[in-house]
């Protein structure tokens, strides 16, 4: 069955998109004649009777459909201090409909990070609620921000990456977690102040390149070997970088540096662009092992050739909600790292 995977609109009460992705728990039965129920195993079945997944869940798993979760979220938003009358809502699911995210941008919360410029640098408060019905994602809710010009999702680090996260266990209570919706504006204000501080922190090209290379462009195995050598006091060999990815990241650095200035805020936007725009393809120049330059392509993110979505890279690869979600978590963790706080000192 083919579903729409993304729906953008302006009414938090519009939940029709999630109705088609409802599932229910049904006791799992053997193929024996007569069949018998399997102990503590349940299938997830769609409203038309088809299996939603070939993976069973246990009896203690608390199934909370996307529709029910976001309906409750709406009720709590209406009781909060969030201005929900003017919003942009993006509802998304994975190709099988088992994972979902609702992102709400509150249009009356605009904060300009650089009001002195003619064009300014507006950021809006945003709340994201992430859910799954097959145990693959814990329920998560976090506040963020949205930069209007480039549609970057600003991923927050700080004291807590997600201010709410809970597994669908026997005692799962999504209403208690969603009750933190009233914190979104407070979190947004705190992070706007942090953004302004980053914008006033200058960074040169060499520092930006070094940070992006060491953070985004090392090969995982080499990074593990490097850390292991450092721990036991062995000499650390030169780390090789993914040249195509680094070249693409530097293209983004030049773009944001020109628009926002050579500062930490621009570097942060490079990272969030990388997390948000997982369907872009860049043509870059890199050197081979002999030092000869050649032209090649790099597509941001690790993309899949699954069911078509609304956004695709130039070579036909798909935007994926799961990839964007994973990269957002990664960048949020990076902002915890001492290397991020020491970025200006590296110059």
C-alpha atoms as a PDB file:
ATOM      1  CA  UNK A   1       0.000   0.000   0.000  1.00  0.00           C
ATOM      2  CA  UNK A   2       1.352   3.438  -0.931  1.00  0.00           C
ATOM      3  CA  UNK A   3       1.078   6.336   1.475  1.00  0.00           C
ATOM      4  CA  UNK A   4       1.935  10.005   1.444  1.00  0.00           C
ATOM      5  CA  UNK A   5       4.963  10.444   3.692  1.00  0.00           C
ATOM      6  CA  UNK A   6       4.877  14.176   4.361  1.00  0.00           C
ATOM      7  CA  UNK A   7       2.098  16.727   4.809  1.00  0.00           C
ATOM      8  CA  UNK A   8       2.598  20.438   5.507  1.00  0.00           C
ATOM      9  CA  UNK A   9      -0.293  22.595   6.694  1.00  0.00           C
ATOM     10  CA  UNK A  10      -1.289  25.324   9.172  1.00  0.00           C
ATOM     11  CA  UNK A  11      -3.796  23.785  11.588  1.00  0.00           C
ATOM     12  CA  UNK A  12      -2.732  21.733  14.614  1.00  0.00           C
ATOM     13  CA  UNK A  13      -6.230  20.193  14.735  1.00  0.00           C
ATOM     14  CA  UNK A  14      -5.796  18.662  11.278  1.00  0.00           C
ATOM     15  CA  UNK A  15      -4.829  15.075  12.143  1.00  0.00           C
ATOM     16  CA  UNK A  16      -6.295  13.262   9.137  1.00  0.00           C
ATOM     17  CA  UNK A  17      -2.802  12.450   7.821  1.00  0.00           C
ATOM     18  CA  UNK A  18      -2.228  10.014  10.691  1.00  0.00           C
ATOM     19  CA  UNK A  19      -5.545   8.132  10.414  1.00  0.00           C
ATOM     20  CA  UNK A  20      -4.222   5.935   7.593  1.00  0.00           C
ATOM     21  CA  UNK A  21      -1.342   4.751   9.804  1.00  0.00           C
ATOM     22  CA  UNK A  22      -3.344   3.381  12.734  1.00  0.00           C
ATOM     23  CA  UNK A  23      -2.523  -0.144  13.932  1.00  0.00           C
ATOM     24  CA  UNK A  24      -3.857  -2.447  16.651  1.00  0.00           C
ATOM     25  CA  UNK A  25      -2.458  -5.352  18.646  1.00  0.00           C
ATOM     26  CA  UNK A  26      -3.782  -8.802  17.791  1.00  0.00           C
ATOM     27  CA  UNK A  27      -2.801 -12.081  19.498  1.00  0.00           C
ATOM     28  CA  UNK A  28      -0.237 -13.928  17.399  1.00  0.00           C
ATOM     29  CA  UNK A  29      -1.304 -17.426  16.349  1.00  0.00           C
ATOM     30  CA  UNK A  30       0.552 -20.452  15.074  1.00  0.00           C
ATOM     31  CA  UNK A  31      -0.084 -21.999  11.650  1.00  0.00           C
ATOM     32  CA  UNK A  32      -1.172 -25.296  13.208  1.00  0.00           C
ATOM     33  CA  UNK A  33      -4.609 -26.744  12.610  1.00  0.00           C
ATOM     34  CA  UNK A  34      -6.288 -25.739  14.777  1.00  0.00           C
ATOM     35  CA  UNK A  35      -4.150 -22.624  15.418  1.00  0.00           C
ATOM     36  CA  UNK A  36      -3.202 -21.662  18.945  1.00  0.00           C
ATOM     37  CA  UNK A  37      -2.166 -18.335  20.416  1.00  0.00           C
ATOM     38  CA  UNK A  38       1.536 -17.701  21.015  1.00  0.00           C
ATOM     39  CA  UNK A  39       2.284 -16.744  24.608  1.00  0.00           C
ATOM     40  CA  UNK A  40       3.037 -13.054  25.147  1.00  0.00           C
ATOM     41  CA  UNK A  41       3.317 -12.240  21.437  1.00  0.00           C
ATOM     42  CA  UNK A  42       1.150  -9.853  19.461  1.00  0.00           C
ATOM     43  CA  UNK A  43       1.039  -8.821  15.822  1.00  0.00           C
ATOM     44  CA  UNK A  44       0.541  -5.208  14.706  1.00  0.00           C
ATOM     45  CA  UNK A  45      -2.350  -5.100  12.246  1.00  0.00           C
ATOM     46  CA  UNK A  46      -3.672  -2.222  10.142  1.00  0.00           C
ATOM     47  CA  UNK A  47      -7.324  -1.305   9.908  1.00  0.00           C
ATOM     48  CA  UNK A  48      -7.635  -3.179   6.583  1.00  0.00           C
ATOM     49  CA  UNK A  49      -6.421  -6.403   8.233  1.00  0.00           C
ATOM     50  CA  UNK A  50      -2.910  -6.387   6.743  1.00  0.00           C
ATOM     51  CA  UNK A  51       0.201  -6.851   8.857  1.00  0.00           C
ATOM     52  CA  UNK A  52       1.957  -3.560   9.592  1.00  0.00           C
ATOM     53  CA  UNK A  53       5.239  -5.341  10.353  1.00  0.00           C
ATOM     54  CA  UNK A  54       6.528  -8.908  10.550  1.00  0.00           C
ATOM     55  CA  UNK A  55       7.964  -8.221  14.022  1.00  0.00           C
ATOM     56  CA  UNK A  56       5.849  -9.100  17.048  1.00  0.00           C
ATOM     57  CA  UNK A  57       5.503  -7.058  20.249  1.00  0.00           C
ATOM     58  CA  UNK A  58       5.039  -8.272  23.803  1.00  0.00           C
ATOM     59  CA  UNK A  59       1.989  -7.929  25.987  1.00  0.00           C
ATOM     60  CA  UNK A  60       3.716  -5.254  28.093  1.00  0.00           C
ATOM     61  CA  UNK A  61       4.248  -3.027  25.055  1.00  0.00           C
ATOM     62  CA  UNK A  62       2.046   0.070  25.270  1.00  0.00           C
ATOM     63  CA  UNK A  63       0.769   0.821  21.789  1.00  0.00           C
ATOM     64  CA  UNK A  64       0.082   4.520  21.280  1.00  0.00           C
ATOM     65  CA  UNK A  65      -0.992   5.373  17.755  1.00  0.00           C
ATOM     66  CA  UNK A  66       0.274   8.578  16.164  1.00  0.00           C
ATOM     67  CA  UNK A  67      -3.251   9.928  15.896  1.00  0.00           C
ATOM     68  CA  UNK A  68      -3.979   9.464  19.613  1.00  0.00           C
ATOM     69  CA  UNK A  69      -0.626  10.894  20.662  1.00  0.00           C
ATOM     70  CA  UNK A  70      -0.904  14.060  18.587  1.00  0.00           C
ATOM     71  CA  UNK A  71      -4.518  14.582  19.593  1.00  0.00           C
ATOM     72  CA  UNK A  72      -3.413  14.607  23.238  1.00  0.00           C
ATOM     73  CA  UNK A  73      -0.540  16.909  22.336  1.00  0.00           C
ATOM     74  CA  UNK A  74      -2.999  19.378  20.814  1.00  0.00           C
ATOM     75  CA  UNK A  75      -5.064  19.451  23.987  1.00  0.00           C
ATOM     76  CA  UNK A  76      -2.002  20.284  26.066  1.00  0.00           C
ATOM     77  CA  UNK A  77      -0.771  22.928  23.620  1.00  0.00           C
ATOM     78  CA  UNK A  78      -4.118  24.680  23.892  1.00  0.00           C
ATOM     79  CA  UNK A  79      -3.621  24.867  27.672  1.00  0.00           C
ATOM     80  CA  UNK A  80      -0.016  26.052  27.424  1.00  0.00           C
ATOM     81  CA  UNK A  81       1.523  29.480  26.829  1.00  0.00           C
ATOM     82  CA  UNK A  82       2.422  28.579  23.238  1.00  0.00           C
ATOM     83  CA  UNK A  83       0.808  30.824  20.592  1.00  0.00           C
ATOM     84  CA  UNK A  84      -0.686  28.079  18.427  1.00  0.00           C
ATOM     85  CA  UNK A  85      -3.124  30.149  16.323  1.00  0.00           C
ATOM     86  CA  UNK A  86      -0.526  30.855  13.595  1.00  0.00           C
ATOM     87  CA  UNK A  87       1.627  27.829  12.911  1.00  0.00           C
ATOM     88  CA  UNK A  88       3.307  25.791  10.216  1.00  0.00           C
ATOM     89  CA  UNK A  89       2.904  22.071  10.840  1.00  0.00           C
ATOM     90  CA  UNK A  90       4.927  19.332   9.144  1.00  0.00           C
ATOM     91  CA  UNK A  91       3.617  15.799   9.655  1.00  0.00           C
ATOM     92  CA  UNK A  92       5.939  13.009   8.505  1.00  0.00           C
ATOM     93  CA  UNK A  93       6.118   9.227   8.608  1.00  0.00           C
ATOM     94  CA  UNK A  94       8.599   6.630   7.443  1.00  0.00           C
ATOM     95  CA  UNK A  95       7.676   4.597   4.325  1.00  0.00           C
ATOM     96  CA  UNK A  96       5.958   1.888   6.405  1.00  0.00           C
ATOM     97  CA  UNK A  97       4.101   4.459   8.533  1.00  0.00           C
ATOM     98  CA  UNK A  98       5.417   2.959  11.768  1.00  0.00           C
ATOM     99  CA  UNK A  99       7.490   5.990  12.796  1.00  0.00           C
ATOM    100  CA  UNK A 100       6.236   9.557  12.837  1.00  0.00           C
ATOM    101  CA  UNK A 101       7.243  13.092  13.659  1.00  0.00           C
ATOM    102  CA  UNK A 102       5.096  16.193  14.032  1.00  0.00           C
ATOM    103  CA  UNK A 103       6.976  19.497  13.887  1.00  0.00           C
ATOM    104  CA  UNK A 104       5.131  22.670  14.804  1.00  0.00           C
ATOM    105  CA  UNK A 105       6.646  26.072  14.059  1.00  0.00           C
ATOM    106  CA  UNK A 106       5.022  28.865  16.098  1.00  0.00           C
ATOM    107  CA  UNK A 107       4.993  31.853  13.774  1.00  0.00           C
ATOM    108  CA  UNK A 108       4.277  34.470  16.454  1.00  0.00           C
ATOM    109  CA  UNK A 109       7.509  33.697  18.332  1.00  0.00           C
ATOM    110  CA  UNK A 110       9.899  35.262  15.813  1.00  0.00           C
ATOM    111  CA  UNK A 111      13.220  36.401  17.281  1.00  0.00           C
ATOM    112  CA  UNK A 112      15.693  38.275  15.101  1.00  0.00           C
ATOM    113  CA  UNK A 113      19.272  37.355  15.942  1.00  0.00           C
ATOM    114  CA  UNK A 114      20.607  40.356  14.035  1.00  0.00           C
ATOM    115  CA  UNK A 115      18.014  43.108  13.886  1.00  0.00           C
ATOM    116  CA  UNK A 116      20.599  45.626  12.666  1.00  0.00           C
ATOM    117  CA  UNK A 117      20.873  43.943   9.276  1.00  0.00           C
ATOM    118  CA  UNK A 118      18.388  44.858   6.568  1.00  0.00           C
ATOM    119  CA  UNK A 119      17.367  41.254   6.052  1.00  0.00           C
ATOM    120  CA  UNK A 120      17.825  40.161   9.658  1.00  0.00           C
ATOM    121  CA  UNK A 121      18.238  36.605  10.899  1.00  0.00           C
ATOM    122  CA  UNK A 122      14.850  35.363  12.183  1.00  0.00           C
ATOM    123  CA  UNK A 123      14.429  32.188  14.244  1.00  0.00           C
ATOM    124  CA  UNK A 124      11.110  30.675  15.349  1.00  0.00           C
ATOM    125  CA  UNK A 125      10.161  28.454  18.257  1.00  0.00           C
ATOM    126  CA  UNK A 126       9.454  24.884  17.249  1.00  0.00           C
ATOM    127  CA  UNK A 127       8.318  21.722  19.013  1.00  0.00           C
ATOM    128  CA  UNK A 128       8.921  18.206  17.701  1.00  0.00           C
ATOM    129  CA  UNK A 129       7.131  15.080  18.897  1.00  0.00           C
ATOM    130  CA  UNK A 130       8.532  11.747  17.716  1.00  0.00           C
ATOM    131  CA  UNK A 131       6.695   8.444  18.026  1.00  0.00           C
ATOM    132  CA  UNK A 132       6.760   4.864  16.795  1.00  0.00           C
ATOM    133  CA  UNK A 133       4.261   2.013  17.045  1.00  0.00           C
ATOM    134  CA  UNK A 134       6.742  -0.870  16.680  1.00  0.00           C
ATOM    135  CA  UNK A 135       9.283  -0.322  19.505  1.00  0.00           C
ATOM    136  CA  UNK A 136      11.965   1.109  17.167  1.00  0.00           C
ATOM    137  CA  UNK A 137      11.896   4.662  18.575  1.00  0.00           C
ATOM    138  CA  UNK A 138      11.254   5.761  22.119  1.00  0.00           C
ATOM    139  CA  UNK A 139       8.627   8.451  22.419  1.00  0.00           C
ATOM    140  CA  UNK A 140      10.446  11.794  22.394  1.00  0.00           C
ATOM    141  CA  UNK A 141       9.473  15.421  22.660  1.00  0.00           C
ATOM    142  CA  UNK A 142      11.874  18.327  22.437  1.00  0.00           C
ATOM    143  CA  UNK A 143      11.838  22.026  21.722  1.00  0.00           C
ATOM    144  CA  UNK A 144      13.908  23.503  18.964  1.00  0.00           C
ATOM    145  CA  UNK A 145      14.032  26.394  16.564  1.00  0.00           C
ATOM    146  CA  UNK A 146      13.629  26.933  12.867  1.00  0.00           C
ATOM    147  CA  UNK A 147      15.693  29.340  10.802  1.00  0.00           C
ATOM    148  CA  UNK A 148      13.351  30.673   8.136  1.00  0.00           C
ATOM    149  CA  UNK A 149      15.716  31.369   5.241  1.00  0.00           C
ATOM    150  CA  UNK A 150      17.257  27.928   4.889  1.00  0.00           C
ATOM    151  CA  UNK A 151      14.722  25.785   6.766  1.00  0.00           C
ATOM    152  CA  UNK A 152      17.407  24.435   9.072  1.00  0.00           C
ATOM    153  CA  UNK A 153      16.196  22.596  12.129  1.00  0.00           C
ATOM    154  CA  UNK A 154      18.186  24.015  15.013  1.00  0.00           C
ATOM    155  CA  UNK A 155      19.184  21.026  17.118  1.00  0.00           C
ATOM    156  CA  UNK A 156      19.685  21.869  20.768  1.00  0.00           C
ATOM    157  CA  UNK A 157      22.356  20.558  23.076  1.00  0.00           C
ATOM    158  CA  UNK A 158      22.856  22.027  26.524  1.00  0.00           C
ATOM    159  CA  UNK A 159      21.641  20.519  29.752  1.00  0.00           C
ATOM    160  CA  UNK A 160      19.430  17.947  28.070  1.00  0.00           C
ATOM    161  CA  UNK A 161      19.163  16.910  24.426  1.00  0.00           C
ATOM    162  CA  UNK A 162      15.540  15.844  24.783  1.00  0.00           C
ATOM    163  CA  UNK A 163      13.615  17.357  27.625  1.00  0.00           C
ATOM    164  CA  UNK A 164      11.261  14.396  27.427  1.00  0.00           C
ATOM    165  CA  UNK A 165      11.903  10.810  26.395  1.00  0.00           C
ATOM    166  CA  UNK A 166      10.137   7.615  27.387  1.00  0.00           C
ATOM    167  CA  UNK A 167       9.933   4.021  26.170  1.00  0.00           C
ATOM    168  CA  UNK A 168       6.623   2.364  25.337  1.00  0.00           C
ATOM    169  CA  UNK A 169       6.858   0.126  28.380  1.00  0.00           C
ATOM    170  CA  UNK A 170       4.115  -1.218  30.608  1.00  0.00           C
ATOM    171  CA  UNK A 171       4.027   2.046  32.586  1.00  0.00           C
ATOM    172  CA  UNK A 172       4.316   4.384  29.583  1.00  0.00           C
ATOM    173  CA  UNK A 173       2.263   7.549  30.113  1.00  0.00           C
ATOM    174  CA  UNK A 174       2.484   9.944  27.181  1.00  0.00           C
ATOM    175  CA  UNK A 175       0.218  12.505  28.862  1.00  0.00           C
ATOM    176  CA  UNK A 176       2.721  13.130  31.666  1.00  0.00           C
ATOM    177  CA  UNK A 177       5.536  13.660  29.177  1.00  0.00           C
ATOM    178  CA  UNK A 178       3.527  15.828  26.818  1.00  0.00           C
ATOM    179  CA  UNK A 179       2.684  17.996  29.812  1.00  0.00           C
ATOM    180  CA  UNK A 180       6.123  19.585  29.449  1.00  0.00           C
ATOM    181  CA  UNK A 181       4.907  21.438  26.343  1.00  0.00           C
ATOM    182  CA  UNK A 182       4.754  24.606  28.406  1.00  0.00           C
ATOM    183  CA  UNK A 183       8.575  24.544  28.686  1.00  0.00           C
ATOM    184  CA  UNK A 184       9.066  25.011  24.950  1.00  0.00           C
ATOM    185  CA  UNK A 185       9.047  28.813  25.026  1.00  0.00           C
ATOM    186  CA  UNK A 186      11.437  28.965  27.977  1.00  0.00           C
ATOM    187  CA  UNK A 187      13.846  26.614  26.212  1.00  0.00           C
ATOM    188  CA  UNK A 188      13.546  28.644  23.036  1.00  0.00           C
ATOM    189  CA  UNK A 189      14.435  31.901  24.817  1.00  0.00           C
ATOM    190  CA  UNK A 190      17.485  30.349  26.476  1.00  0.00           C
ATOM    191  CA  UNK A 191      18.761  28.981  23.206  1.00  0.00           C
ATOM    192  CA  UNK A 192      18.208  32.241  21.326  1.00  0.00           C
ATOM    193  CA  UNK A 193      20.556  33.854  23.821  1.00  0.00           C
ATOM    194  CA  UNK A 194      23.045  31.081  23.143  1.00  0.00           C
ATOM    195  CA  UNK A 195      22.715  31.627  19.395  1.00  0.00           C
ATOM    196  CA  UNK A 196      23.461  35.332  19.842  1.00  0.00           C
ATOM    197  CA  UNK A 197      26.579  34.455  21.806  1.00  0.00           C
ATOM    198  CA  UNK A 198      27.700  32.103  19.017  1.00  0.00           C
ATOM    199  CA  UNK A 199      27.060  34.805  16.441  1.00  0.00           C
ATOM    200  CA  UNK A 200      29.443  37.131  18.288  1.00  0.00           C
ATOM    201  CA  UNK A 201      32.166  34.446  18.417  1.00  0.00           C
ATOM    202  CA  UNK A 202      34.477  34.781  15.378  1.00  0.00           C
ATOM    203  CA  UNK A 203      35.910  31.680  13.669  1.00  0.00           C
ATOM    204  CA  UNK A 204      38.435  31.590  10.842  1.00  0.00           C
ATOM    205  CA  UNK A 205      38.448  29.233   7.846  1.00  0.00           C
ATOM    206  CA  UNK A 206      41.177  26.980   9.224  1.00  0.00           C
ATOM    207  CA  UNK A 207      39.338  26.422  12.512  1.00  0.00           C
ATOM    208  CA  UNK A 208      36.081  25.674  10.709  1.00  0.00           C
ATOM    209  CA  UNK A 209      37.780  23.210   8.360  1.00  0.00           C
ATOM    210  CA  UNK A 210      39.562  21.421  11.196  1.00  0.00           C
ATOM    211  CA  UNK A 211      36.379  21.110  13.252  1.00  0.00           C
ATOM    212  CA  UNK A 212      34.286  19.826  10.343  1.00  0.00           C
ATOM    213  CA  UNK A 213      36.995  17.374   9.299  1.00  0.00           C
ATOM    214  CA  UNK A 214      37.464  15.905  12.752  1.00  0.00           C
ATOM    215  CA  UNK A 215      33.775  15.892  13.656  1.00  0.00           C
ATOM    216  CA  UNK A 216      31.988  14.857  10.467  1.00  0.00           C
ATOM    217  CA  UNK A 217      34.509  13.512   8.035  1.00  0.00           C
ATOM    218  CA  UNK A 218      36.653  10.904   9.774  1.00  0.00           C
ATOM    219  CA  UNK A 219      36.080   7.269   8.943  1.00  0.00           C
ATOM    220  CA  UNK A 220      34.546   5.512  12.003  1.00  0.00           C
ATOM    221  CA  UNK A 221      37.149   2.744  12.234  1.00  0.00           C
ATOM    222  CA  UNK A 222      40.008   5.233  12.106  1.00  0.00           C
ATOM    223  CA  UNK A 223      38.383   7.308  14.815  1.00  0.00           C
ATOM    224  CA  UNK A 224      38.137   4.221  17.062  1.00  0.00           C
ATOM    225  CA  UNK A 225      41.788   3.368  16.433  1.00  0.00           C
ATOM    226  CA  UNK A 226      42.815   6.959  17.160  1.00  0.00           C
ATOM    227  CA  UNK A 227      40.979   7.022  20.500  1.00  0.00           C
ATOM    228  CA  UNK A 228      42.426   3.637  21.454  1.00  0.00           C
ATOM    229  CA  UNK A 229      45.972   4.823  20.702  1.00  0.00           C
ATOM    230  CA  UNK A 230      45.464   7.965  22.768  1.00  0.00           C
ATOM    231  CA  UNK A 231      44.204   5.940  25.743  1.00  0.00           C
ATOM    232  CA  UNK A 232      47.255   3.628  25.876  1.00  0.00           C
ATOM    233  CA  UNK A 233      49.784   6.317  24.987  1.00  0.00           C
ATOM    234  CA  UNK A 234      50.733   5.028  21.544  1.00  0.00           C
ATOM    235  CA  UNK A 235      51.591   7.415  18.697  1.00  0.00           C
ATOM    236  CA  UNK A 236      48.537   8.487  16.738  1.00  0.00           C
ATOM    237  CA  UNK A 237      48.818   8.077  12.990  1.00  0.00           C
ATOM    238  CA  UNK A 238      47.440  10.708  10.645  1.00  0.00           C
ATOM    239  CA  UNK A 239      43.701  10.364  10.293  1.00  0.00           C
ATOM    240  CA  UNK A 240      42.319  10.188   6.782  1.00  0.00           C
ATOM    241  CA  UNK A 241      39.164  12.129   6.025  1.00  0.00           C
ATOM    242  CA  UNK A 242      36.236  11.582   3.719  1.00  0.00           C
ATOM    243  CA  UNK A 243      37.339  14.177   1.168  1.00  0.00           C
ATOM    244  CA  UNK A 244      34.034  14.395  -0.690  1.00  0.00           C
ATOM    245  CA  UNK A 245      32.061  15.024   2.469  1.00  0.00           C
ATOM    246  CA  UNK A 246      34.573  17.564   3.771  1.00  0.00           C
ATOM    247  CA  UNK A 247      34.553  19.440   0.456  1.00  0.00           C
ATOM    248  CA  UNK A 248      30.741  19.585   0.578  1.00  0.00           C
ATOM    249  CA  UNK A 249      30.781  20.826   4.162  1.00  0.00           C
ATOM    250  CA  UNK A 250      33.245  23.565   3.208  1.00  0.00           C
ATOM    251  CA  UNK A 251      30.906  24.655   0.402  1.00  0.00           C
ATOM    252  CA  UNK A 252      28.241  25.091   3.082  1.00  0.00           C
ATOM    253  CA  UNK A 253      30.697  26.937   5.340  1.00  0.00           C
ATOM    254  CA  UNK A 254      31.465  29.438   2.580  1.00  0.00           C
ATOM    255  CA  UNK A 255      27.746  29.931   1.982  1.00  0.00           C
ATOM    256  CA  UNK A 256      26.828  30.579   5.611  1.00  0.00           C
ATOM    257  CA  UNK A 257      29.966  32.584   6.299  1.00  0.00           C
ATOM    258  CA  UNK A 258      28.955  34.990   3.533  1.00  0.00           C
ATOM    259  CA  UNK A 259      25.377  35.213   4.773  1.00  0.00           C
ATOM    260  CA  UNK A 260      25.885  35.253   8.560  1.00  0.00           C
ATOM    261  CA  UNK A 261      29.557  36.130   8.972  1.00  0.00           C
ATOM    262  CA  UNK A 262      32.606  33.993   9.903  1.00  0.00           C
ATOM    263  CA  UNK A 263      31.395  32.943  13.346  1.00  0.00           C
ATOM    264  CA  UNK A 264      30.273  30.015  15.468  1.00  0.00           C
ATOM    265  CA  UNK A 265      26.620  30.576  14.521  1.00  0.00           C
ATOM    266  CA  UNK A 266      27.516  30.011  10.853  1.00  0.00           C
ATOM    267  CA  UNK A 267      29.384  26.816  11.737  1.00  0.00           C
ATOM    268  CA  UNK A 268      26.350  25.616  13.692  1.00  0.00           C
ATOM    269  CA  UNK A 269      24.149  26.307  10.666  1.00  0.00           C
ATOM    270  CA  UNK A 270      26.476  24.204   8.523  1.00  0.00           C
ATOM    271  CA  UNK A 271      25.905  21.283  10.879  1.00  0.00           C
ATOM    272  CA  UNK A 272      22.146  21.706  11.060  1.00  0.00           C
ATOM    273  CA  UNK A 273      21.957  22.092   7.276  1.00  0.00           C
ATOM    274  CA  UNK A 274      23.765  18.770   6.992  1.00  0.00           C
ATOM    275  CA  UNK A 275      21.202  17.192   9.351  1.00  0.00           C
ATOM    276  CA  UNK A 276      18.123  18.748   7.746  1.00  0.00           C
ATOM    277  CA  UNK A 277      18.894  18.646   4.019  1.00  0.00           C
ATOM    278  CA  UNK A 278      19.605  14.949   3.573  1.00  0.00           C
ATOM    279  CA  UNK A 279      18.721  14.924  -0.113  1.00  0.00           C
ATOM    280  CA  UNK A 280      21.217  17.384  -1.638  1.00  0.00           C
ATOM    281  CA  UNK A 281      24.022  16.559  -4.062  1.00  0.00           C
ATOM    282  CA  UNK A 282      27.202  18.637  -4.425  1.00  0.00           C
ATOM    283  CA  UNK A 283      29.747  18.623  -7.235  1.00  0.00           C
ATOM    284  CA  UNK A 284      33.174  19.191  -5.661  1.00  0.00           C
ATOM    285  CA  UNK A 285      36.872  19.028  -6.520  1.00  0.00           C
ATOM    286  CA  UNK A 286      39.063  16.638  -4.516  1.00  0.00           C
ATOM    287  CA  UNK A 287      42.582  15.228  -4.828  1.00  0.00           C
ATOM    288  CA  UNK A 288      43.372  11.575  -5.484  1.00  0.00           C
ATOM    289  CA  UNK A 289      46.180   9.724  -3.687  1.00  0.00           C
ATOM    290  CA  UNK A 290      48.671  11.152  -6.179  1.00  0.00           C
ATOM    291  CA  UNK A 291      47.581  14.750  -5.543  1.00  0.00           C
ATOM    292  CA  UNK A 292      45.693  15.099  -8.826  1.00  0.00           C
ATOM    293  CA  UNK A 293      42.450  17.071  -8.630  1.00  0.00           C
ATOM    294  CA  UNK A 294      39.265  15.585 -10.050  1.00  0.00           C
ATOM    295  CA  UNK A 295      35.562  16.415 -10.035  1.00  0.00           C
ATOM    296  CA  UNK A 296      33.142  14.187  -8.144  1.00  0.00           C
ATOM    297  CA  UNK A 297      29.686  14.216  -6.529  1.00  0.00           C
ATOM    298  CA  UNK A 298      28.714  13.872  -2.888  1.00  0.00           C
ATOM    299  CA  UNK A 299      25.170  13.439  -1.557  1.00  0.00           C
ATOM    300  CA  UNK A 300      24.580  14.593   2.010  1.00  0.00           C
ATOM    301  CA  UNK A 301      23.523  11.833   4.351  1.00  0.00           C
ATOM    302  CA  UNK A 302      23.264   8.094   3.901  1.00  0.00           C
ATOM    303  CA  UNK A 303      20.188   7.781   1.745  1.00  0.00           C
ATOM    304  CA  UNK A 304      18.097   4.855   0.585  1.00  0.00           C
ATOM    305  CA  UNK A 305      16.357   3.857  -2.640  1.00  0.00           C
ATOM    306  CA  UNK A 306      13.122   3.001  -0.867  1.00  0.00           C
ATOM    307  CA  UNK A 307       9.606   4.175  -1.621  1.00  0.00           C
ATOM    308  CA  UNK A 308       9.539   7.640  -3.265  1.00  0.00           C
ATOM    309  CA  UNK A 309       9.250  10.658  -0.978  1.00  0.00           C
ATOM    310  CA  UNK A 310       8.595  14.313  -1.609  1.00  0.00           C
ATOM    311  CA  UNK A 311      12.289  15.223  -1.728  1.00  0.00           C
ATOM    312  CA  UNK A 312      15.017  13.502  -3.712  1.00  0.00           C
ATOM    313  CA  UNK A 313      18.656  14.149  -4.461  1.00  0.00           C
ATOM    314  CA  UNK A 314      19.830  14.880  -7.982  1.00  0.00           C
ATOM    315  CA  UNK A 315      20.646  11.206  -8.560  1.00  0.00           C
ATOM    316  CA  UNK A 316      17.227  10.016  -7.389  1.00  0.00           C
ATOM    317  CA  UNK A 317      18.046   9.031  -3.816  1.00  0.00           C
ATOM    318  CA  UNK A 318      15.426   9.736  -1.183  1.00  0.00           C
ATOM    319  CA  UNK A 319      15.156  12.041   1.792  1.00  0.00           C
ATOM    320  CA  UNK A 320      14.544   9.869   4.863  1.00  0.00           C
ATOM    321  CA  UNK A 321      12.928  10.889   8.134  1.00  0.00           C
ATOM    322  CA  UNK A 322      14.970   8.297  10.022  1.00  0.00           C
ATOM    323  CA  UNK A 323      18.248   9.665   8.672  1.00  0.00           C
ATOM    324  CA  UNK A 324      17.328  13.230   9.540  1.00  0.00           C
ATOM    325  CA  UNK A 325      16.288  12.151  13.018  1.00  0.00           C
ATOM    326  CA  UNK A 326      19.554  10.281  13.628  1.00  0.00           C
ATOM    327  CA  UNK A 327      21.668  13.180  12.391  1.00  0.00           C
ATOM    328  CA  UNK A 328      19.785  15.651  14.566  1.00  0.00           C
ATOM    329  CA  UNK A 329      20.554  13.530  17.621  1.00  0.00           C
ATOM    330  CA  UNK A 330      24.186  13.313  16.550  1.00  0.00           C
ATOM    331  CA  UNK A 331      24.553  17.086  16.270  1.00  0.00           C
ATOM    332  CA  UNK A 332      22.809  17.626  19.585  1.00  0.00           C
ATOM    333  CA  UNK A 333      25.429  15.355  21.148  1.00  0.00           C
ATOM    334  CA  UNK A 334      28.219  17.256  19.385  1.00  0.00           C
ATOM    335  CA  UNK A 335      27.148  20.470  21.103  1.00  0.00           C
ATOM    336  CA  UNK A 336      27.769  18.725  24.434  1.00  0.00           C
ATOM    337  CA  UNK A 337      31.324  17.872  23.426  1.00  0.00           C
ATOM    338  CA  UNK A 338      34.194  19.953  24.856  1.00  0.00           C
ATOM    339  CA  UNK A 339      35.561  20.294  21.297  1.00  0.00           C
ATOM    340  CA  UNK A 340      32.520  22.407  20.386  1.00  0.00           C
ATOM    341  CA  UNK A 341      33.016  24.738  23.349  1.00  0.00           C
ATOM    342  CA  UNK A 342      36.702  25.068  22.496  1.00  0.00           C
ATOM    343  CA  UNK A 343      36.182  25.832  18.785  1.00  0.00           C
ATOM    344  CA  UNK A 344      37.303  29.505  18.973  1.00  0.00           C
ATOM    345  CA  UNK A 345      40.405  28.519  20.963  1.00  0.00           C
ATOM    346  CA  UNK A 346      41.578  26.236  18.177  1.00  0.00           C
ATOM    347  CA  UNK A 347      42.400  29.127  15.835  1.00  0.00           C
END
